[in-house]
Amino acid sequence: MNAFKLLMAGGVVALAGQVASATFVEVIPDDPNVGSLWTGKRSLMLSDDGIADGIEQDLAAPGTNPLTNIILEWKITQSDITNLYTYEYTITKDPLNAKGSVSHFTIEVSPTFTGANALEGSDSPHTVSTVTTRNNAPGNIDGIVNALKWDIQDGPTEEKDGKTSYGDGNADGVITYTLITDRAPVWGDFYIKDGNHWSYKNLGFATEPTGNGGTGLDSNYFGWIATPDSTPGESGGGNHLPTPIAAGMGLIGFGIIGLRRQRPVRA
C-alpha cells in the first residue's frame, strides 16, 4: 500500500451538496478519559468475541458468489503533537479463497470534507471524477453522498483494456486503507465491493444514527462505522483542535461527492 501514499496528478474534487442543519452523532473514544483511541469491528456474522454483525449483502447489486463472512475493523488514533487523526480500516474476506476480492471501499464523510482534508500519508485512490451509482443517479458513490472512495484492490496492480487497477500488492484477502485528516470520528455509512462477485454495506445504510454517541462496542451503533466529521477536533472528548499543517497537501486522488443525504454540520 505504501506505493499509493503519494500525491496523484489532477485536482481536488469539491463537494457539490447543500449543507443541512442538524447534529452528527460522535464516536466516543475507547477510554473517554484519554480520548485518543477509537476502535471497532463489524462483520457479516456474529464473531467469536461477541461483536455483533453490522454488515449485510447488497442484494440489489450484481454478483452471485456471496462470502461466508467479511470483517471490517477500524483503528483511529490522534497525535499528541499534530492533533491529526489517523484512520485505518482493515477488511478481511472469509474464507480467503472465496471468489472475488475487494476492488474498492467507500465511506461517508461530511459535506464540508474535501480533498484538502485527506492529508499527506493517506492512501490515494485512482478516481478523481464524479462517480455515478449502479442506476446512473448522478452525484453519489455507491449510494453514499458526501463519500470518499478508495479505488485500491486487494491484489496486484493490473492493466486491462487501457485502464489501470491499482492494488496493494498482496492477494491475501486482507487490505488496509489509511486516511490522515483533521476531522474527528462520527458514525457513518460504508460500502465494500468486488468487481463481479459481491457487494456489502452497513446494516443502517442510508439511515441516521441517533443519541449522544457511543464507543465501537455500543450496540446502538452496530449499524455504522467511525467516519470523518464536519468540524475539526469536536470528537475525542473535545479537548483537541487539530492543526491541519498539511492541508495544502491534501490528496488529489479522492472522489468526494455530495448529493444524497445532505448530512449536517455540527452546530
Protein backbone atom coordinates (compact mmCIF):
# COMPACT_ATOMS: atom_id res chain seq x y z
CA MET A 1 0.00 0.00 0.00
CA ASN A 2 2.94 2.34 0.58
CA ALA A 3 3.25 2.87 -3.16
CA PHE A 4 -0.08 4.67 -3.07
CA LYS A 5 0.79 7.06 -0.28
CA LEU A 6 1.66 9.58 -2.99
CA LEU A 7 0.00 12.63 -4.46
CA MET A 8 -1.89 11.79 -7.66
CA ALA A 9 -1.96 14.16 -10.65
CA GLY A 10 -5.18 16.12 -11.01
CA GLY A 11 -7.25 18.49 -8.90
CA VAL A 12 -9.20 18.36 -5.67
CA VAL A 13 -12.84 17.43 -6.17
CA ALA A 14 -15.05 19.76 -4.12
CA LEU A 15 -18.39 18.79 -2.62
CA ALA A 16 -21.49 19.74 -4.58
CA GLY A 17 -24.18 19.13 -1.96
CA GLN A 18 -26.11 21.50 0.24
CA VAL A 19 -25.41 21.62 3.96
CA ALA A 20 -28.31 20.91 6.29
CA SER A 21 -28.55 21.98 9.92
CA ALA A 22 -28.56 19.18 12.47
CA THR A 23 -26.07 17.30 14.60
CA PHE A 24 -23.73 14.41 13.91
CA VAL A 25 -23.51 11.57 16.40
CA GLU A 26 -19.97 11.28 17.68
CA VAL A 27 -17.97 8.13 18.25
CA ILE A 28 -16.85 8.04 21.88
CA PRO A 29 -13.18 7.06 22.43
CA ASP A 30 -12.49 3.61 23.86
CA ASP A 31 -11.36 5.37 27.06
CA PRO A 32 -13.11 8.75 27.33
CA ASN A 33 -10.60 9.82 29.97
CA VAL A 34 -7.81 9.53 27.41
CA GLY A 35 -9.74 10.41 24.26
CA SER A 36 -7.14 9.48 21.65
CA LEU A 37 -8.05 5.93 20.56
CA TRP A 38 -11.14 4.63 18.77
CA THR A 39 -11.51 1.01 17.68
CA GLY A 40 -14.35 -1.09 16.36
CA LYS A 41 -15.36 -4.08 14.29
CA ARG A 42 -18.25 -5.04 12.06
CA SER A 43 -18.86 -8.40 10.40
CA LEU A 44 -21.38 -10.31 8.31
CA MET A 45 -21.69 -12.94 11.03
CA LEU A 46 -21.56 -12.76 14.82
CA SER A 47 -17.89 -13.20 15.71
CA ASP A 48 -16.42 -15.42 18.39
CA ASP A 49 -15.58 -12.42 20.56
CA GLY A 50 -19.25 -11.45 20.69
CA ILE A 51 -19.06 -8.41 18.43
CA ALA A 52 -22.40 -8.04 16.67
CA ASP A 53 -22.58 -8.25 12.92
CA GLY A 54 -23.43 -4.87 11.36
CA ILE A 55 -22.78 -5.85 7.72
CA GLU A 56 -25.26 -7.07 5.12
CA GLN A 57 -25.04 -8.07 1.48
CA ASP A 58 -26.33 -5.59 -1.08
CA LEU A 59 -28.80 -7.89 -2.83
CA ALA A 60 -29.59 -5.22 -5.43
CA ALA A 61 -26.01 -5.27 -6.71
CA PRO A 62 -24.76 -7.77 -9.30
CA GLY A 63 -22.93 -10.82 -8.02
CA THR A 64 -23.83 -14.43 -7.28
CA ASN A 65 -20.94 -15.58 -5.09
CA PRO A 66 -21.54 -14.18 -1.60
CA LEU A 67 -18.93 -14.66 1.11
CA THR A 68 -19.33 -16.71 4.26
CA ASN A 69 -18.15 -13.69 6.20
CA ILE A 70 -16.46 -10.34 5.72
CA ILE A 71 -14.96 -8.34 8.57
CA LEU A 72 -14.31 -4.59 8.72
CA GLU A 73 -12.18 -3.26 11.59
CA TRP A 74 -11.13 0.30 12.31
CA LYS A 75 -8.47 1.88 14.46
CA ILE A 76 -8.30 5.64 14.85
CA THR A 77 -5.59 7.46 16.77
CA GLN A 78 -4.92 11.13 17.43
CA SER A 79 -1.41 12.55 17.53
CA ASP A 80 -0.44 14.47 20.67
CA ILE A 81 1.94 16.54 18.52
CA THR A 82 -0.10 17.49 15.43
CA ASN A 83 -3.57 16.65 16.81
CA LEU A 84 -4.27 14.96 13.46
CA TYR A 85 -6.28 11.74 13.23
CA THR A 86 -5.05 8.55 11.56
CA TYR A 87 -7.90 6.31 10.36
CA GLU A 88 -7.04 2.70 9.49
CA TYR A 89 -9.75 0.48 8.01
CA THR A 90 -8.88 -3.22 7.57
CA ILE A 91 -11.14 -5.51 5.54
CA THR A 92 -10.77 -9.30 5.77
CA LYS A 93 -12.52 -11.63 3.35
CA ASP A 94 -13.53 -15.02 4.77
CA PRO A 95 -12.84 -17.59 3.52
CA LEU A 96 -9.69 -16.18 1.97
CA ASN A 97 -10.01 -18.46 -1.08
CA ALA A 98 -13.57 -17.35 -1.90
CA LYS A 99 -14.22 -15.87 -5.31
CA GLY A 100 -13.52 -12.19 -5.80
CA SER A 101 -11.52 -9.64 -3.83
CA VAL A 102 -12.12 -6.11 -2.55
CA SER A 103 -11.96 -3.77 -5.55
CA HIS A 104 -12.93 -0.57 -3.76
CA PHE A 105 -14.08 0.75 -0.40
CA THR A 106 -16.32 3.78 0.16
CA ILE A 107 -17.05 5.63 3.39
CA GLU A 108 -19.34 8.51 4.21
CA VAL A 109 -17.76 11.87 5.02
CA SER A 110 -19.35 15.18 5.94
CA PRO A 111 -20.49 17.84 3.46
CA THR A 112 -17.52 20.09 4.26
CA PHE A 113 -14.90 17.36 3.81
CA THR A 114 -12.79 17.96 0.69
CA GLY A 115 -9.61 16.55 -0.78
CA ALA A 116 -7.69 19.11 1.28
CA ASN A 117 -8.76 17.21 4.41
CA ALA A 118 -7.09 14.00 3.19
CA LEU A 119 -3.59 14.86 4.29
CA GLU A 120 -0.13 13.64 3.36
CA GLY A 121 0.34 9.98 4.27
CA SER A 122 -3.20 8.95 3.29
CA ASP A 123 -3.64 6.16 0.77
CA SER A 124 -4.54 7.58 -2.58
CA PRO A 125 -7.26 6.06 -4.78
CA HIS A 126 -7.39 6.21 -8.54
CA THR A 127 -10.58 8.08 -9.35
CA VAL A 128 -10.85 11.87 -9.31
CA SER A 129 -14.06 12.33 -11.28
CA THR A 130 -17.75 12.38 -10.38
CA VAL A 131 -18.93 8.81 -9.95
CA THR A 132 -22.49 7.58 -10.57
CA THR A 133 -24.30 4.79 -8.80
CA ARG A 134 -25.39 1.50 -10.34
CA ASN A 135 -28.65 3.06 -11.53
CA ASN A 136 -26.80 6.03 -13.05
CA ALA A 137 -28.11 8.51 -10.50
CA PRO A 138 -25.56 11.34 -10.65
CA GLY A 139 -23.55 12.71 -7.79
CA ASN A 140 -23.10 9.87 -5.33
CA ILE A 141 -20.76 6.94 -4.92
CA ASP A 142 -22.25 3.51 -4.12
CA GLY A 143 -25.41 5.20 -2.87
CA ILE A 144 -23.45 7.40 -0.44
CA VAL A 145 -23.43 11.13 -0.90
CA ASN A 146 -20.54 13.01 0.68
CA ALA A 147 -18.36 9.97 0.07
CA LEU A 148 -14.69 9.13 -0.03
CA LYS A 149 -13.87 6.17 -2.27
CA TRP A 150 -10.61 4.23 -2.39
CA ASP A 151 -10.03 2.58 -5.77
CA ILE A 152 -7.35 0.24 -4.49
CA GLN A 153 -7.94 -3.51 -4.75
CA ASP A 154 -6.71 -6.46 -2.75
CA GLY A 155 -4.15 -7.79 -5.19
CA PRO A 156 -1.59 -6.63 -7.74
CA THR A 157 -1.81 -3.51 -9.88
CA GLU A 158 -3.17 -4.56 -13.27
CA GLU A 159 -3.53 -3.06 -16.73
CA LYS A 160 -6.61 -4.09 -18.71
CA ASP A 161 -8.37 -2.50 -21.68
CA GLY A 162 -6.23 0.61 -21.31
CA LYS A 163 -7.19 1.09 -17.65
CA THR A 164 -5.11 0.67 -14.51
CA SER A 165 -6.49 -1.16 -11.49
CA TYR A 166 -4.34 -0.20 -8.53
CA GLY A 167 -3.63 -2.88 -5.94
CA ASP A 168 -1.97 -3.26 -2.57
CA GLY A 169 0.35 -5.93 -3.99
CA ASN A 170 -0.99 -8.77 -1.85
CA ALA A 171 -3.85 -11.01 -2.94
CA ASP A 172 -4.22 -12.39 0.58
CA GLY A 173 -7.82 -11.49 1.37
CA VAL A 174 -6.81 -8.65 3.70
CA ILE A 175 -6.48 -4.98 2.77
CA THR A 176 -5.99 -1.82 4.86
CA TYR A 177 -6.92 1.72 3.85
CA THR A 178 -5.37 4.70 5.66
CA LEU A 179 -6.64 8.26 5.99
CA ILE A 180 -4.85 11.07 7.83
CA THR A 181 -7.09 14.05 8.48
CA ASP A 182 -8.00 16.88 10.84
CA ARG A 183 -11.53 15.51 11.25
CA ALA A 184 -12.68 13.61 14.35
CA PRO A 185 -14.84 10.45 14.11
CA VAL A 186 -18.64 10.31 13.89
CA TRP A 187 -20.93 7.45 12.84
CA GLY A 188 -21.43 6.98 9.09
CA ASP A 189 -22.09 4.55 6.22
CA PHE A 190 -19.72 2.33 4.25
CA TYR A 191 -19.76 0.16 1.12
CA ILE A 192 -17.39 -2.68 0.15
CA LYS A 193 -17.39 -4.03 -3.38
CA ASP A 194 -15.81 -6.72 -5.52
CA GLY A 195 -15.88 -6.10 -9.25
CA ASN A 196 -18.14 -9.03 -10.19
CA HIS A 197 -18.98 -11.31 -7.28
CA TRP A 198 -20.36 -9.44 -4.26
CA SER A 199 -21.10 -6.13 -2.54
CA TYR A 200 -21.62 -5.38 1.17
CA LYS A 201 -22.83 -2.39 3.19
CA ASN A 202 -23.65 -1.46 6.77
CA LEU A 203 -26.98 -2.51 8.29
CA GLY A 204 -28.02 1.09 8.93
CA PHE A 205 -27.22 2.14 5.37
CA ALA A 206 -28.96 5.39 4.31
CA THR A 207 -30.43 5.94 7.79
CA GLU A 208 -29.30 8.29 10.53
CA PRO A 209 -27.94 7.22 13.93
CA THR A 210 -29.43 8.95 16.95
CA GLY A 211 -28.48 9.58 20.55
CA ASN A 212 -25.47 11.11 22.24
CA GLY A 213 -22.87 8.76 20.79
CA GLY A 214 -21.10 5.63 21.94
CA THR A 215 -17.95 3.57 21.58
CA GLY A 216 -17.34 0.90 18.94
CA LEU A 217 -18.81 -1.64 21.38
CA ASP A 218 -22.09 0.23 21.83
CA SER A 219 -24.86 -1.93 20.30
CA ASN A 220 -26.87 1.21 19.46
CA TYR A 221 -24.34 1.95 16.72
CA PHE A 222 -23.64 -1.50 15.26
CA GLY A 223 -25.26 -0.33 12.02
CA TRP A 224 -22.48 2.19 11.25
CA ILE A 225 -18.72 2.73 11.50
CA ALA A 226 -16.48 5.62 12.57
CA THR A 227 -16.03 8.13 9.72
CA PRO A 228 -14.68 11.74 9.47
CA ASP A 229 -16.72 14.61 10.91
CA SER A 230 -17.50 18.08 9.51
CA THR A 231 -15.71 20.18 12.09
CA PRO A 232 -12.09 19.60 13.16
CA GLY A 233 -11.49 18.23 16.60
CA GLU A 234 -15.00 18.17 18.04
CA SER A 235 -14.92 14.50 18.94
CA GLY A 236 -12.35 12.75 21.11
CA GLY A 237 -13.59 14.38 24.28
CA GLY A 238 -13.46 17.84 22.70
CA ASN A 239 -10.01 18.53 24.08
CA HIS A 240 -8.12 18.94 20.81
CA LEU A 241 -8.27 21.36 17.93
CA PRO A 242 -6.25 19.72 15.15
CA THR A 243 -3.78 21.87 13.29
CA PRO A 244 -4.08 20.98 9.60
CA ILE A 245 -0.39 21.57 8.93
CA ALA A 246 -0.60 19.67 5.68
CA ALA A 247 -3.97 20.91 4.48
CA GLY A 248 -2.45 22.40 1.38
CA MET A 249 -1.02 19.00 0.55
CA GLY A 250 -4.38 17.21 0.52
CA LEU A 251 -4.52 14.20 -1.73
CA ILE A 252 -5.97 14.85 -5.13
CA GLY A 253 -6.99 11.34 -5.90
CA PHE A 254 -10.16 11.23 -3.80
CA GLY A 255 -13.60 11.27 -5.43
CA ILE A 256 -15.61 13.26 -2.90
CA ILE A 257 -19.15 13.98 -3.97
CA GLY A 258 -22.20 15.42 -2.22
CA LEU A 259 -25.91 14.98 -3.00
CA ARG A 260 -27.64 12.05 -1.20
CA ARG A 261 -28.39 12.71 2.41
CA GLN A 262 -27.18 16.26 2.86
CA ARG A 263 -25.51 15.26 6.11
CA PRO A 264 -25.40 18.08 8.62
CA VAL A 265 -22.63 20.19 10.04
CA ARG A 266 -22.12 20.25 13.77
CA ALA A 267 -23.71 23.30 15.31
